[in-house]
Amino acid sequence: MSVSERAWVGPDVRLGEGVVVHPFAYLEGHTTVGDRSEIFPHAVVGTPPHDVSYRGTPTRVEIGADCVIREGVTIHRASEKEEGVTRVGSGCFLMAGSHVGHDARVGEGVILTIYAVLGGHVRVGERAILSSHCAVHQFCRVGELAMVGGGAMVVKDVPPFCVAQGDRARLVGLNEVGLERAGKPRETILALRRTYRTIFRSKLVRAEALERARGEGGGVEEVERFLGFIEGSRRGVCGHGRG
């Protein structure tokens, strides 16, 4: 563990083995940082949430192993409205100026590029990529291996494996490059492509489209997760078309 004497690390902060904290980083509150993570100058972690109802309960921030938290990143501790934890999974790369709001859950291997912003209570699935200057509205979800384009304003859920862009963000297709890089077999990608077309390009009402897509999916696990995400949406899902 290496902590600069010019960094601030509060008494309730717990750092794992091999963690590096650079000068002028600021960590406070009940914050844990996993092994081998690195926190760069002017990152601020564990400060109170942007929530006017917050009354000082010792809520938490949990950061997994092997994360990179670059310059000026802000990660707020949780409010008092859920489980009391803001969580960033292992292997995440949070680029300069990005923000993780209170009560957010960020899955493993997520990349937030420069000034990408997550509102409170946002959920981001594993290995999603959020591009520069995009913003995700509170309570929205971004599914695994999804990609959100630069400057996008996300006010509805982005399903797994999809690409979204624009203001307000809309789906523009599957993240096929990301799927290939993740080692998904061609058969899985073709099944997801067929499912995407059935859900978003057919003229069926959503319930009928979901039923047909499940029948066409042939039990492919990724298709089931895709459909389950849509069925579980409370804010609604981004529509298809140029944003």
C-alpha atoms as a PDB file:
ATOM      1  CA  MET A   1       0.000   0.000   0.000  1.00  0.00           C
ATOM      2  CA  SER A   2       1.305   3.452  -0.918  1.00  0.00           C
ATOM      3  CA  VAL A   3      -0.453   6.580   0.332  1.00  0.00           C
ATOM      4  CA  SER A   4       0.996  10.020  -0.362  1.00  0.00           C
ATOM      5  CA  GLU A   5       1.433  12.182   2.710  1.00  0.00           C
ATOM      6  CA  ARG A   6      -0.317  14.910   0.725  1.00  0.00           C
ATOM      7  CA  ALA A   7      -3.469  12.808   0.319  1.00  0.00           C
ATOM      8  CA  TRP A   8      -6.300  12.839   2.860  1.00  0.00           C
ATOM      9  CA  VAL A   9      -7.456   9.417   4.054  1.00  0.00           C
ATOM     10  CA  GLY A  10     -10.058   9.505   6.815  1.00  0.00           C
ATOM     11  CA  PRO A  11     -10.000   7.304   9.921  1.00  0.00           C
ATOM     12  CA  ASP A  12     -12.827   5.043   8.722  1.00  0.00           C
ATOM     13  CA  VAL A  13     -11.329   4.401   5.285  1.00  0.00           C
ATOM     14  CA  ARG A  14     -10.017   0.878   4.678  1.00  0.00           C
ATOM     15  CA  LEU A  15      -7.468   0.268   1.929  1.00  0.00           C
ATOM     16  CA  GLY A  16      -6.571  -3.150   0.564  1.00  0.00           C
ATOM     17  CA  GLU A  17      -3.165  -4.575  -0.267  1.00  0.00           C
ATOM     18  CA  GLY A  18      -1.241  -2.733  -2.943  1.00  0.00           C
ATOM     19  CA  VAL A  19      -3.584   0.272  -3.113  1.00  0.00           C
ATOM     20  CA  VAL A  20      -1.928   3.483  -4.351  1.00  0.00           C
ATOM     21  CA  VAL A  21      -3.324   6.883  -3.335  1.00  0.00           C
ATOM     22  CA  HIS A  22      -1.708   9.834  -5.102  1.00  0.00           C
ATOM     23  CA  PRO A  23      -1.191  13.373  -3.736  1.00  0.00           C
ATOM     24  CA  PHE A  24      -4.283  15.521  -3.215  1.00  0.00           C
ATOM     25  CA  ALA A  25      -6.731  12.617  -3.416  1.00  0.00           C
ATOM     26  CA  TYR A  26      -9.414  12.855  -0.726  1.00  0.00           C
ATOM     27  CA  LEU A  27     -11.054   9.786   0.846  1.00  0.00           C
ATOM     28  CA  GLU A  28     -13.439  10.008   3.767  1.00  0.00           C
ATOM     29  CA  GLY A  29     -16.344   8.235   5.448  1.00  0.00           C
ATOM     30  CA  HIS A  30     -16.869   4.478   5.650  1.00  0.00           C
ATOM     31  CA  THR A  31     -15.043   3.735   2.415  1.00  0.00           C
ATOM     32  CA  THR A  32     -13.305   0.515   1.407  1.00  0.00           C
ATOM     33  CA  VAL A  33     -10.950   0.218  -1.552  1.00  0.00           C
ATOM     34  CA  GLY A  34     -10.034  -3.193  -2.935  1.00  0.00           C
ATOM     35  CA  ASP A  35      -6.560  -4.589  -3.516  1.00  0.00           C
ATOM     36  CA  ARG A  36      -4.295  -3.020  -6.144  1.00  0.00           C
ATOM     37  CA  SER A  37      -6.645  -0.150  -6.937  1.00  0.00           C
ATOM     38  CA  GLU A  38      -5.130   3.259  -7.746  1.00  0.00           C
ATOM     39  CA  ILE A  39      -6.604   6.655  -6.902  1.00  0.00           C
ATOM     40  CA  PHE A  40      -5.207   9.686  -8.690  1.00  0.00           C
ATOM     41  CA  PRO A  41      -4.865  13.349  -7.641  1.00  0.00           C
ATOM     42  CA  HIS A  42      -8.002  15.334  -6.821  1.00  0.00           C
ATOM     43  CA  ALA A  43     -10.281  12.307  -6.829  1.00  0.00           C
ATOM     44  CA  VAL A  44     -12.885  12.675  -4.065  1.00  0.00           C
ATOM     45  CA  VAL A  45     -14.370   9.473  -2.630  1.00  0.00           C
ATOM     46  CA  GLY A  46     -16.861   8.920   0.179  1.00  0.00           C
ATOM     47  CA  THR A  47     -18.229  12.422   0.643  1.00  0.00           C
ATOM     48  CA  PRO A  48     -21.953  12.942   1.454  1.00  0.00           C
ATOM     49  CA  PRO A  49     -24.556  12.369  -1.256  1.00  0.00           C
ATOM     50  CA  HIS A  50     -26.248  15.082  -3.271  1.00  0.00           C
ATOM     51  CA  ASP A  51     -29.509  14.397  -1.467  1.00  0.00           C
ATOM     52  CA  VAL A  52     -31.234  17.131   0.524  1.00  0.00           C
ATOM     53  CA  SER A  53     -32.861  14.550   2.813  1.00  0.00           C
ATOM     54  CA  TYR A  54     -29.521  13.054   3.931  1.00  0.00           C
ATOM     55  CA  ARG A  55     -29.018  13.440   7.674  1.00  0.00           C
ATOM     56  CA  GLY A  56     -25.535  12.084   8.234  1.00  0.00           C
ATOM     57  CA  THR A  57     -26.058   8.338   8.618  1.00  0.00           C
ATOM     58  CA  PRO A  58     -22.687   6.536   8.183  1.00  0.00           C
ATOM     59  CA  THR A  59     -23.468   5.045   4.789  1.00  0.00           C
ATOM     60  CA  ARG A  60     -20.705   3.514   2.681  1.00  0.00           C
ATOM     61  CA  VAL A  61     -18.700   3.384  -0.504  1.00  0.00           C
ATOM     62  CA  GLU A  62     -17.266   0.049  -1.630  1.00  0.00           C
ATOM     63  CA  ILE A  63     -14.705  -0.066  -4.441  1.00  0.00           C
ATOM     64  CA  GLY A  64     -13.492  -3.409  -5.750  1.00  0.00           C
ATOM     65  CA  ALA A  65     -10.009  -4.634  -6.586  1.00  0.00           C
ATOM     66  CA  ASP A  66      -7.918  -3.465  -9.539  1.00  0.00           C
ATOM     67  CA  CYS A  67      -9.848  -0.254 -10.135  1.00  0.00           C
ATOM     68  CA  VAL A  68      -8.349   2.898 -11.606  1.00  0.00           C
ATOM     69  CA  ILE A  69      -9.876   6.135 -10.296  1.00  0.00           C
ATOM     70  CA  ARG A  70      -8.413   8.994 -12.322  1.00  0.00           C
ATOM     71  CA  GLU A  71      -8.063  12.715 -11.686  1.00  0.00           C
ATOM     72  CA  GLY A  72     -11.083  14.599 -10.387  1.00  0.00           C
ATOM     73  CA  VAL A  73     -13.392  11.583 -10.153  1.00  0.00           C
ATOM     74  CA  THR A  74     -16.145  11.897  -7.526  1.00  0.00           C
ATOM     75  CA  ILE A  75     -17.863   8.944  -5.846  1.00  0.00           C
ATOM     76  CA  HIS A  76     -20.502   9.778  -3.243  1.00  0.00           C
ATOM     77  CA  ARG A  77     -21.503   7.613  -0.339  1.00  0.00           C
ATOM     78  CA  ALA A  78     -25.070   6.318  -0.246  1.00  0.00           C
ATOM     79  CA  SER A  79     -28.174   8.081   0.919  1.00  0.00           C
ATOM     80  CA  GLU A  80     -30.441   6.645   3.590  1.00  0.00           C
ATOM     81  CA  LYS A  81     -33.025   5.374   1.092  1.00  0.00           C
ATOM     82  CA  GLU A  82     -31.725   1.953   0.039  1.00  0.00           C
ATOM     83  CA  GLU A  83     -29.109  -0.435   1.420  1.00  0.00           C
ATOM     84  CA  GLY A  84     -26.699   2.303   2.440  1.00  0.00           C
ATOM     85  CA  VAL A  85     -23.914   1.550  -0.042  1.00  0.00           C
ATOM     86  CA  THR A  86     -22.555   2.975  -3.286  1.00  0.00           C
ATOM     87  CA  ARG A  87     -20.626   0.203  -5.016  1.00  0.00           C
ATOM     88  CA  VAL A  88     -18.032   0.134  -7.803  1.00  0.00           C
ATOM     89  CA  GLY A  89     -17.090  -3.377  -8.942  1.00  0.00           C
ATOM     90  CA  SER A  90     -13.621  -4.759  -9.534  1.00  0.00           C
ATOM     91  CA  GLY A  91     -11.620  -3.846 -12.607  1.00  0.00           C
ATOM     92  CA  CYS A  92     -13.408  -0.585 -13.342  1.00  0.00           C
ATOM     93  CA  PHE A  93     -11.699   2.342 -15.068  1.00  0.00           C
ATOM     94  CA  LEU A  94     -13.145   5.724 -14.110  1.00  0.00           C
ATOM     95  CA  MET A  95     -11.567   8.416 -16.257  1.00  0.00           C
ATOM     96  CA  ALA A  96     -10.973  12.048 -15.302  1.00  0.00           C
ATOM     97  CA  GLY A  97     -13.967  13.997 -14.036  1.00  0.00           C
ATOM     98  CA  SER A  98     -16.451  11.134 -14.094  1.00  0.00           C
ATOM     99  CA  HIS A  99     -19.016  10.851 -11.307  1.00  0.00           C
ATOM    100  CA  VAL A 100     -20.742   7.992  -9.489  1.00  0.00           C
ATOM    101  CA  GLY A 101     -23.804   9.232  -7.631  1.00  0.00           C
ATOM    102  CA  HIS A 102     -25.145   8.002  -4.312  1.00  0.00           C
ATOM    103  CA  ASP A 103     -26.553   4.475  -4.113  1.00  0.00           C
ATOM    104  CA  ALA A 104     -25.274   3.625  -7.600  1.00  0.00           C
ATOM    105  CA  ARG A 105     -24.129   0.097  -8.410  1.00  0.00           C
ATOM    106  CA  VAL A 106     -21.417  -0.197 -11.041  1.00  0.00           C
ATOM    107  CA  GLY A 107     -20.599  -3.708 -12.234  1.00  0.00           C
ATOM    108  CA  GLU A 108     -17.173  -5.220 -12.846  1.00  0.00           C
ATOM    109  CA  GLY A 109     -15.049  -4.005 -15.734  1.00  0.00           C
ATOM    110  CA  VAL A 110     -17.101  -0.868 -16.426  1.00  0.00           C
ATOM    111  CA  ILE A 111     -15.428   2.089 -18.151  1.00  0.00           C
ATOM    112  CA  LEU A 112     -16.619   5.633 -17.478  1.00  0.00           C
ATOM    113  CA  THR A 113     -14.815   7.952 -19.865  1.00  0.00           C
ATOM    114  CA  ILE A 114     -14.083  11.638 -19.263  1.00  0.00           C
ATOM    115  CA  TYR A 115     -16.954  13.464 -17.521  1.00  0.00           C
ATOM    116  CA  ALA A 116     -19.427  10.602 -17.787  1.00  0.00           C
ATOM    117  CA  VAL A 117     -21.964  11.114 -15.008  1.00  0.00           C
ATOM    118  CA  LEU A 118     -24.169   8.611 -13.154  1.00  0.00           C
ATOM    119  CA  GLY A 119     -27.090   9.962 -11.150  1.00  0.00           C
ATOM    120  CA  GLY A 120     -28.219   8.518  -7.863  1.00  0.00           C
ATOM    121  CA  HIS A 121     -29.475   4.917  -7.725  1.00  0.00           C
ATOM    122  CA  VAL A 122     -28.207   4.134 -11.251  1.00  0.00           C
ATOM    123  CA  ARG A 123     -27.328   0.528 -12.118  1.00  0.00           C
ATOM    124  CA  VAL A 124     -24.600  -0.259 -14.658  1.00  0.00           C
ATOM    125  CA  GLY A 125     -23.955  -3.830 -15.771  1.00  0.00           C
ATOM    126  CA  GLU A 126     -20.600  -5.538 -16.226  1.00  0.00           C
ATOM    127  CA  ARG A 127     -18.227  -4.268 -18.920  1.00  0.00           C
ATOM    128  CA  ALA A 128     -20.511  -1.469 -20.070  1.00  0.00           C
ATOM    129  CA  ILE A 129     -18.813   1.594 -21.564  1.00  0.00           C
ATOM    130  CA  LEU A 130     -20.131   5.112 -21.022  1.00  0.00           C
ATOM    131  CA  SER A 131     -18.538   7.630 -23.342  1.00  0.00           C
ATOM    132  CA  SER A 132     -17.399  11.177 -22.693  1.00  0.00           C
ATOM    133  CA  HIS A 133     -19.888  13.727 -21.326  1.00  0.00           C
ATOM    134  CA  CYS A 134     -22.835  11.332 -21.258  1.00  0.00           C
ATOM    135  CA  ALA A 135     -25.252  11.486 -18.332  1.00  0.00           C
ATOM    136  CA  VAL A 136     -27.494   8.794 -16.895  1.00  0.00           C
ATOM    137  CA  HIS A 137     -30.653   9.922 -15.094  1.00  0.00           C
ATOM    138  CA  GLN A 138     -31.232   8.726 -11.551  1.00  0.00           C
ATOM    139  CA  PHE A 139     -32.788   5.247 -11.210  1.00  0.00           C
ATOM    140  CA  CYS A 140     -31.944   4.330 -14.815  1.00  0.00           C
ATOM    141  CA  ARG A 141     -30.163   1.107 -15.720  1.00  0.00           C
ATOM    142  CA  VAL A 142     -27.470   0.416 -18.310  1.00  0.00           C
ATOM    143  CA  GLY A 143     -27.129  -3.280 -19.079  1.00  0.00           C
ATOM    144  CA  GLU A 144     -24.015  -5.429 -19.373  1.00  0.00           C
ATOM    145  CA  LEU A 145     -21.778  -4.862 -22.400  1.00  0.00           C
ATOM    146  CA  ALA A 146     -23.875  -1.876 -23.446  1.00  0.00           C
ATOM    147  CA  MET A 147     -22.231   1.202 -24.899  1.00  0.00           C
ATOM    148  CA  VAL A 148     -23.521   4.754 -24.424  1.00  0.00           C
ATOM    149  CA  GLY A 149     -22.291   7.317 -26.950  1.00  0.00           C
ATOM    150  CA  GLY A 150     -20.559  10.584 -26.165  1.00  0.00           C
ATOM    151  CA  GLY A 151     -22.859  13.350 -24.949  1.00  0.00           C
ATOM    152  CA  ALA A 152     -25.871  11.050 -24.672  1.00  0.00           C
ATOM    153  CA  MET A 153     -28.611  11.953 -22.204  1.00  0.00           C
ATOM    154  CA  VAL A 154     -29.989   8.662 -20.873  1.00  0.00           C
ATOM    155  CA  VAL A 155     -33.440   8.999 -19.331  1.00  0.00           C
ATOM    156  CA  LYS A 156     -34.632   5.421 -19.887  1.00  0.00           C
ATOM    157  CA  ASP A 157     -33.002   2.024 -19.486  1.00  0.00           C
ATOM    158  CA  VAL A 158     -30.383   0.869 -22.002  1.00  0.00           C
ATOM    159  CA  PRO A 159     -30.700  -2.927 -22.465  1.00  0.00           C
ATOM    160  CA  PRO A 160     -27.672  -5.241 -22.335  1.00  0.00           C
ATOM    161  CA  PHE A 161     -25.494  -5.591 -25.442  1.00  0.00           C
ATOM    162  CA  CYS A 162     -26.939  -2.455 -27.095  1.00  0.00           C
ATOM    163  CA  VAL A 163     -25.573   0.886 -28.288  1.00  0.00           C
ATOM    164  CA  ALA A 164     -27.417   4.088 -27.327  1.00  0.00           C
ATOM    165  CA  GLN A 165     -26.733   7.661 -28.322  1.00  0.00           C
ATOM    166  CA  GLY A 166     -28.304  11.086 -28.648  1.00  0.00           C
ATOM    167  CA  ASP A 167     -30.501  13.468 -26.678  1.00  0.00           C
ATOM    168  CA  ARG A 168     -32.690  11.857 -25.488  1.00  0.00           C
ATOM    169  CA  ALA A 169     -30.710   8.668 -25.961  1.00  0.00           C
ATOM    170  CA  ARG A 170     -32.108   6.078 -28.333  1.00  0.00           C
ATOM    171  CA  LEU A 171     -30.879   2.644 -29.350  1.00  0.00           C
ATOM    172  CA  VAL A 172     -29.008   2.400 -32.636  1.00  0.00           C
ATOM    173  CA  GLY A 173     -28.205  -1.319 -32.671  1.00  0.00           C
ATOM    174  CA  LEU A 174     -26.272  -4.049 -30.925  1.00  0.00           C
ATOM    175  CA  ASN A 175     -22.791  -3.551 -29.530  1.00  0.00           C
ATOM    176  CA  GLU A 176     -21.460  -6.288 -31.789  1.00  0.00           C
ATOM    177  CA  VAL A 177     -17.841  -5.170 -31.516  1.00  0.00           C
ATOM    178  CA  GLY A 178     -18.082  -5.357 -27.730  1.00  0.00           C
ATOM    179  CA  LEU A 179     -19.707  -8.769 -27.918  1.00  0.00           C
ATOM    180  CA  GLU A 180     -16.940 -10.079 -30.164  1.00  0.00           C
ATOM    181  CA  ARG A 181     -14.243  -8.667 -27.887  1.00  0.00           C
ATOM    182  CA  ALA A 182     -15.956 -10.357 -24.950  1.00  0.00           C
ATOM    183  CA  GLY A 183     -15.599 -13.677 -26.743  1.00  0.00           C
ATOM    184  CA  LYS A 184     -19.280 -14.262 -27.435  1.00  0.00           C
ATOM    185  CA  PRO A 185     -19.757 -16.919 -30.138  1.00  0.00           C
ATOM    186  CA  ARG A 186     -21.189 -15.893 -33.484  1.00  0.00           C
ATOM    187  CA  GLU A 187     -24.334 -17.925 -32.825  1.00  0.00           C
ATOM    188  CA  THR A 188     -25.033 -15.869 -29.714  1.00  0.00           C
ATOM    189  CA  ILE A 189     -24.528 -12.587 -31.557  1.00  0.00           C
ATOM    190  CA  LEU A 190     -26.878 -13.701 -34.335  1.00  0.00           C
ATOM    191  CA  ALA A 191     -29.498 -14.722 -31.759  1.00  0.00           C
ATOM    192  CA  LEU A 192     -29.225 -11.337 -30.068  1.00  0.00           C
ATOM    193  CA  ARG A 193     -29.482  -9.574 -33.431  1.00  0.00           C
ATOM    194  CA  ARG A 194     -32.669 -11.501 -34.201  1.00  0.00           C
ATOM    195  CA  THR A 195     -34.059 -10.682 -30.755  1.00  0.00           C
ATOM    196  CA  TYR A 196     -33.223  -6.987 -31.134  1.00  0.00           C
ATOM    197  CA  ARG A 197     -35.062  -6.830 -34.447  1.00  0.00           C
ATOM    198  CA  THR A 198     -38.106  -8.577 -33.023  1.00  0.00           C
ATOM    199  CA  ILE A 199     -38.317  -6.256 -30.008  1.00  0.00           C
ATOM    200  CA  PHE A 200     -37.445  -2.935 -31.582  1.00  0.00           C
ATOM    201  CA  ARG A 201     -38.140  -3.181 -35.306  1.00  0.00           C
ATOM    202  CA  SER A 202     -41.255  -5.305 -35.567  1.00  0.00           C
ATOM    203  CA  LYS A 203     -44.696  -3.731 -35.354  1.00  0.00           C
ATOM    204  CA  LEU A 204     -45.749  -6.057 -32.563  1.00  0.00           C
ATOM    205  CA  VAL A 205     -46.861  -4.656 -29.233  1.00  0.00           C
ATOM    206  CA  ARG A 206     -44.185  -5.149 -26.591  1.00  0.00           C
ATOM    207  CA  ALA A 207     -45.795  -8.167 -24.856  1.00  0.00           C
ATOM    208  CA  GLU A 208     -46.229 -10.004 -28.158  1.00  0.00           C
ATOM    209  CA  ALA A 209     -42.704  -9.103 -29.255  1.00  0.00           C
ATOM    210  CA  LEU A 210     -41.259 -10.448 -26.014  1.00  0.00           C
ATOM    211  CA  GLU A 211     -43.165 -13.703 -26.391  1.00  0.00           C
ATOM    212  CA  ARG A 212     -42.030 -14.178 -29.969  1.00  0.00           C
ATOM    213  CA  ALA A 213     -38.415 -13.270 -29.142  1.00  0.00           C
ATOM    214  CA  ARG A 214     -38.312 -15.788 -26.316  1.00  0.00           C
ATOM    215  CA  GLY A 215     -39.557 -18.470 -28.676  1.00  0.00           C
ATOM    216  CA  GLU A 216     -36.967 -17.530 -31.300  1.00  0.00           C
ATOM    217  CA  GLY A 217     -34.130 -17.282 -28.780  1.00  0.00           C
ATOM    218  CA  GLY A 218     -33.631 -21.016 -28.490  1.00  0.00           C
ATOM    219  CA  GLY A 219     -32.696 -20.839 -24.816  1.00  0.00           C
ATOM    220  CA  VAL A 220     -29.607 -18.657 -25.415  1.00  0.00           C
ATOM    221  CA  GLU A 221     -28.565 -17.323 -22.008  1.00  0.00           C
ATOM    222  CA  GLU A 222     -27.730 -13.830 -23.267  1.00  0.00           C
ATOM    223  CA  VAL A 223     -31.121 -13.576 -24.966  1.00  0.00           C
ATOM    224  CA  GLU A 224     -32.847 -14.512 -21.729  1.00  0.00           C
ATOM    225  CA  ARG A 225     -30.903 -11.837 -19.843  1.00  0.00           C
ATOM    226  CA  PHE A 226     -31.732  -9.298 -22.535  1.00  0.00           C
ATOM    227  CA  LEU A 227     -35.447 -10.066 -22.344  1.00  0.00           C
ATOM    228  CA  GLY A 228     -35.442 -10.236 -18.544  1.00  0.00           C
ATOM    229  CA  PHE A 229     -33.856  -6.787 -18.397  1.00  0.00           C
ATOM    230  CA  ILE A 230     -36.602  -5.328 -20.579  1.00  0.00           C
ATOM    231  CA  GLU A 231     -39.358  -7.041 -18.612  1.00  0.00           C
ATOM    232  CA  GLY A 232     -37.897  -5.719 -15.360  1.00  0.00           C
ATOM    233  CA  SER A 233     -37.693  -2.103 -16.478  1.00  0.00           C
ATOM    234  CA  ARG A 234     -39.540   0.419 -14.317  1.00  0.00           C
ATOM    235  CA  ARG A 235     -38.528   3.597 -16.169  1.00  0.00           C
ATOM    236  CA  GLY A 236     -39.088   2.131 -19.620  1.00  0.00           C
ATOM    237  CA  VAL A 237     -36.532   1.214 -22.259  1.00  0.00           C
ATOM    238  CA  CYS A 238     -34.901   3.540 -24.773  1.00  0.00           C
ATOM    239  CA  GLY A 239     -36.615   3.417 -28.135  1.00  0.00           C
ATOM    240  CA  HIS A 240     -34.937   2.472 -31.392  1.00  0.00           C
ATOM    241  CA  GLY A 241     -33.798   5.114 -33.859  1.00  0.00           C
ATOM    242  CA  ARG A 242     -31.325   7.956 -34.184  1.00  0.00           C
ATOM    243  CA  GLY A 243     -31.219  10.159 -31.087  1.00  0.00           C
END
